Amino acid sequence: VQFVESGGGLVQPGGSLRLSCAASGFTFRNYGMSWYRQAPGKGRELVAAITSGGGSTNYADSVKGRFTISRDNAKNTVYLQMRSLRPEDTAVYFCYAPATQGRWGQGTQVTVSS
């Protein structure tokens, strides 16, 4: 099981980023996927989740209305579209399929700063 996140970077407050996560080593279409983040000095928190077929999503209150999770089962990829970014969104972002109990990826750094 492997997760490779990409798309992070430095963005100004109010800006947007789209994160991607390529998953492998399991039957992607059968598993729900999630995005998590970990800010400096804080624990890892769940940001968004999507069911295996993509028909249902859930979001942390702090990102609801600003972030959108989606997936492409043909490409074994999950996305996180982030809009109206705030400094408090600064963190390392990880994707994961909890049911696989696989190893976490390296994550991708998102820094929101002017």
C-alpha atoms as a PDB file:
ATOM      1  CA  VAL A   1       0.000   0.000   0.000  1.00  0.00           C
ATOM      2  CA  GLN A   2       1.396   3.370  -1.001  1.00  0.00           C
ATOM      3  CA  PHE A   3       0.157   6.955  -0.979  1.00  0.00           C
ATOM      4  CA  VAL A   4       1.988   9.726  -2.844  1.00  0.00           C
ATOM      5  CA  GLU A   5       0.714  13.244  -2.231  1.00  0.00           C
ATOM      6  CA  SER A   6       1.518  16.250  -4.415  1.00  0.00           C
ATOM      7  CA  GLY A   7       0.364  19.755  -5.241  1.00  0.00           C
ATOM      8  CA  GLY A   8       1.304  21.633  -2.096  1.00  0.00           C
ATOM      9  CA  GLY A   9       3.128  24.920  -2.005  1.00  0.00           C
ATOM     10  CA  LEU A  10       3.165  28.492  -0.784  1.00  0.00           C
ATOM     11  CA  VAL A  11      -0.002  30.488  -1.384  1.00  0.00           C
ATOM     12  CA  GLN A  12      -1.312  33.828  -0.183  1.00  0.00           C
ATOM     13  CA  PRO A  13      -4.375  34.054   2.059  1.00  0.00           C
ATOM     14  CA  GLY A  14      -7.497  33.780  -0.052  1.00  0.00           C
ATOM     15  CA  GLY A  15      -5.726  31.682  -2.664  1.00  0.00           C
ATOM     16  CA  SER A  16      -6.386  28.179  -3.938  1.00  0.00           C
ATOM     17  CA  LEU A  17      -4.516  24.901  -4.312  1.00  0.00           C
ATOM     18  CA  ARG A  18      -5.418  21.473  -5.614  1.00  0.00           C
ATOM     19  CA  LEU A  19      -3.789  18.501  -3.936  1.00  0.00           C
ATOM     20  CA  SER A  20      -3.519  15.091  -5.587  1.00  0.00           C
ATOM     21  CA  CYS A  21      -2.838  11.684  -4.105  1.00  0.00           C
ATOM     22  CA  ALA A  22      -1.865   8.655  -6.152  1.00  0.00           C
ATOM     23  CA  ALA A  23      -2.677   5.412  -4.352  1.00  0.00           C
ATOM     24  CA  SER A  24      -1.419   1.933  -5.144  1.00  0.00           C
ATOM     25  CA  GLY A  25      -1.120  -1.543  -3.685  1.00  0.00           C
ATOM     26  CA  PHE A  26      -4.813  -2.103  -3.040  1.00  0.00           C
ATOM     27  CA  THR A  27      -8.105  -2.093  -4.956  1.00  0.00           C
ATOM     28  CA  PHE A  28      -8.646   1.645  -4.820  1.00  0.00           C
ATOM     29  CA  ARG A  29     -12.255   1.651  -5.990  1.00  0.00           C
ATOM     30  CA  ASN A  30     -13.287  -0.488  -3.012  1.00  0.00           C
ATOM     31  CA  TYR A  31     -12.008   1.840  -0.293  1.00  0.00           C
ATOM     32  CA  GLY A  32     -13.079   5.111   1.213  1.00  0.00           C
ATOM     33  CA  MET A  33     -10.369   7.751   1.146  1.00  0.00           C
ATOM     34  CA  SER A  34      -9.555  10.612   3.468  1.00  0.00           C
ATOM     35  CA  TRP A  35      -7.372  13.689   3.654  1.00  0.00           C
ATOM     36  CA  TYR A  36      -5.697  14.589   6.935  1.00  0.00           C
ATOM     37  CA  ARG A  37      -3.424  17.419   7.957  1.00  0.00           C
ATOM     38  CA  GLN A  38      -0.876  18.054  10.647  1.00  0.00           C
ATOM     39  CA  ALA A  39       0.152  21.557  11.632  1.00  0.00           C
ATOM     40  CA  PRO A  40       3.404  22.282  13.465  1.00  0.00           C
ATOM     41  CA  GLY A  41       3.146  21.197  17.096  1.00  0.00           C
ATOM     42  CA  LYS A  42      -0.311  19.692  16.641  1.00  0.00           C
ATOM     43  CA  GLY A  43      -1.770  16.264  16.114  1.00  0.00           C
ATOM     44  CA  ARG A  44      -3.039  14.886  12.835  1.00  0.00           C
ATOM     45  CA  GLU A  45      -6.653  15.858  12.089  1.00  0.00           C
ATOM     46  CA  LEU A  46      -9.199  14.577   9.610  1.00  0.00           C
ATOM     47  CA  VAL A  47     -10.022  17.185   6.977  1.00  0.00           C
ATOM     48  CA  ALA A  48     -12.276  15.398   4.490  1.00  0.00           C
ATOM     49  CA  ALA A  49     -13.468  11.918   3.559  1.00  0.00           C
ATOM     50  CA  ILE A  50     -15.119  10.321   0.550  1.00  0.00           C
ATOM     51  CA  THR A  51     -16.773   6.952   0.115  1.00  0.00           C
ATOM     52  CA  SER A  52     -15.470   4.314  -2.290  1.00  0.00           C
ATOM     53  CA  GLY A  53     -17.866   5.292  -5.077  1.00  0.00           C
ATOM     54  CA  GLY A  54     -17.581   8.994  -4.416  1.00  0.00           C
ATOM     55  CA  GLY A  55     -21.252   9.399  -3.620  1.00  0.00           C
ATOM     56  CA  SER A  56     -20.828  10.728  -0.096  1.00  0.00           C
ATOM     57  CA  THR A  57     -18.378  13.183   1.427  1.00  0.00           C
ATOM     58  CA  ASN A  58     -17.719  14.632   4.869  1.00  0.00           C
ATOM     59  CA  TYR A  59     -15.702  17.618   6.002  1.00  0.00           C
ATOM     60  CA  ALA A  60     -14.259  19.069   9.162  1.00  0.00           C
ATOM     61  CA  ASP A  61     -16.207  22.141  10.253  1.00  0.00           C
ATOM     62  CA  SER A  62     -13.100  24.273   9.790  1.00  0.00           C
ATOM     63  CA  VAL A  63     -12.956  23.594   6.034  1.00  0.00           C
ATOM     64  CA  LYS A  64     -16.616  23.092   5.154  1.00  0.00           C
ATOM     65  CA  GLY A  65     -17.615  25.252   2.203  1.00  0.00           C
ATOM     66  CA  ARG A  66     -13.973  25.924   1.245  1.00  0.00           C
ATOM     67  CA  PHE A  67     -12.524  22.464   0.496  1.00  0.00           C
ATOM     68  CA  THR A  68     -13.830  19.795  -1.880  1.00  0.00           C
ATOM     69  CA  ILE A  69     -12.719  16.170  -1.919  1.00  0.00           C
ATOM     70  CA  SER A  70     -13.143  14.098  -5.074  1.00  0.00           C
ATOM     71  CA  ARG A  71     -11.752  10.941  -6.614  1.00  0.00           C
ATOM     72  CA  ASP A  72     -11.081   9.320  -9.971  1.00  0.00           C
ATOM     73  CA  ASN A  73     -11.274   5.557  -9.583  1.00  0.00           C
ATOM     74  CA  ALA A  74      -9.938   5.016 -13.098  1.00  0.00           C
ATOM     75  CA  LYS A  75      -6.733   6.813 -12.094  1.00  0.00           C
ATOM     76  CA  ASN A  76      -6.500   5.564  -8.490  1.00  0.00           C
ATOM     77  CA  THR A  77      -6.309   9.198  -7.434  1.00  0.00           C
ATOM     78  CA  VAL A  78      -8.013  11.334  -4.822  1.00  0.00           C
ATOM     79  CA  TYR A  79      -8.031  15.128  -4.891  1.00  0.00           C
ATOM     80  CA  LEU A  80      -8.514  17.971  -2.454  1.00  0.00           C
ATOM     81  CA  GLN A  81      -9.513  21.306  -3.966  1.00  0.00           C
ATOM     82  CA  MET A  82      -8.804  24.061  -1.441  1.00  0.00           C
ATOM     83  CA  ARG A  83     -10.175  27.579  -1.831  1.00  0.00           C
ATOM     84  CA  SER A  84     -10.207  30.712   0.326  1.00  0.00           C
ATOM     85  CA  LEU A  85      -7.128  29.464   2.104  1.00  0.00           C
ATOM     86  CA  ARG A  86      -6.281  30.865   5.526  1.00  0.00           C
ATOM     87  CA  PRO A  87      -3.013  30.959   7.482  1.00  0.00           C
ATOM     88  CA  GLU A  88      -4.471  28.374   9.859  1.00  0.00           C
ATOM     89  CA  ASP A  89      -4.689  25.914   6.945  1.00  0.00           C
ATOM     90  CA  THR A  90      -0.889  25.728   6.967  1.00  0.00           C
ATOM     91  CA  ALA A  91       0.053  22.095   7.532  1.00  0.00           C
ATOM     92  CA  VAL A  92       1.387  18.943   5.950  1.00  0.00           C
ATOM     93  CA  TYR A  93      -1.493  17.244   4.140  1.00  0.00           C
ATOM     94  CA  PHE A  94      -1.782  13.469   3.869  1.00  0.00           C
ATOM     95  CA  CYS A  95      -4.174  11.172   2.080  1.00  0.00           C
ATOM     96  CA  TYR A  96      -5.031   7.770   3.525  1.00  0.00           C
ATOM     97  CA  ALA A  97      -7.370   4.839   3.277  1.00  0.00           C
ATOM     98  CA  PRO A  98      -8.019   3.918   6.917  1.00  0.00           C
ATOM     99  CA  ALA A  99      -9.347   0.448   6.113  1.00  0.00           C
ATOM    100  CA  THR A 100      -6.043  -0.564   4.487  1.00  0.00           C
ATOM    101  CA  GLN A 101      -4.033   0.079   7.657  1.00  0.00           C
ATOM    102  CA  GLY A 102      -1.158   0.793   5.314  1.00  0.00           C
ATOM    103  CA  ARG A 103       1.836   3.041   5.812  1.00  0.00           C
ATOM    104  CA  TRP A 104       1.278   6.767   5.611  1.00  0.00           C
ATOM    105  CA  GLY A 105       2.889   8.734   2.794  1.00  0.00           C
ATOM    106  CA  GLN A 106       5.259  11.672   3.153  1.00  0.00           C
ATOM    107  CA  GLY A 107       2.518  14.233   2.734  1.00  0.00           C
ATOM    108  CA  THR A 108       2.665  17.558   0.916  1.00  0.00           C
ATOM    109  CA  GLN A 109       3.374  20.884   2.604  1.00  0.00           C
ATOM    110  CA  VAL A 110       0.820  23.676   2.299  1.00  0.00           C
ATOM    111  CA  THR A 111       1.872  27.089   3.559  1.00  0.00           C
ATOM    112  CA  VAL A 112      -0.578  29.983   3.566  1.00  0.00           C
ATOM    113  CA  SER A 113       1.216  33.251   4.143  1.00  0.00           C
ATOM    114  CA  SER A 114       1.516  36.735   2.738  1.00  0.00           C
END
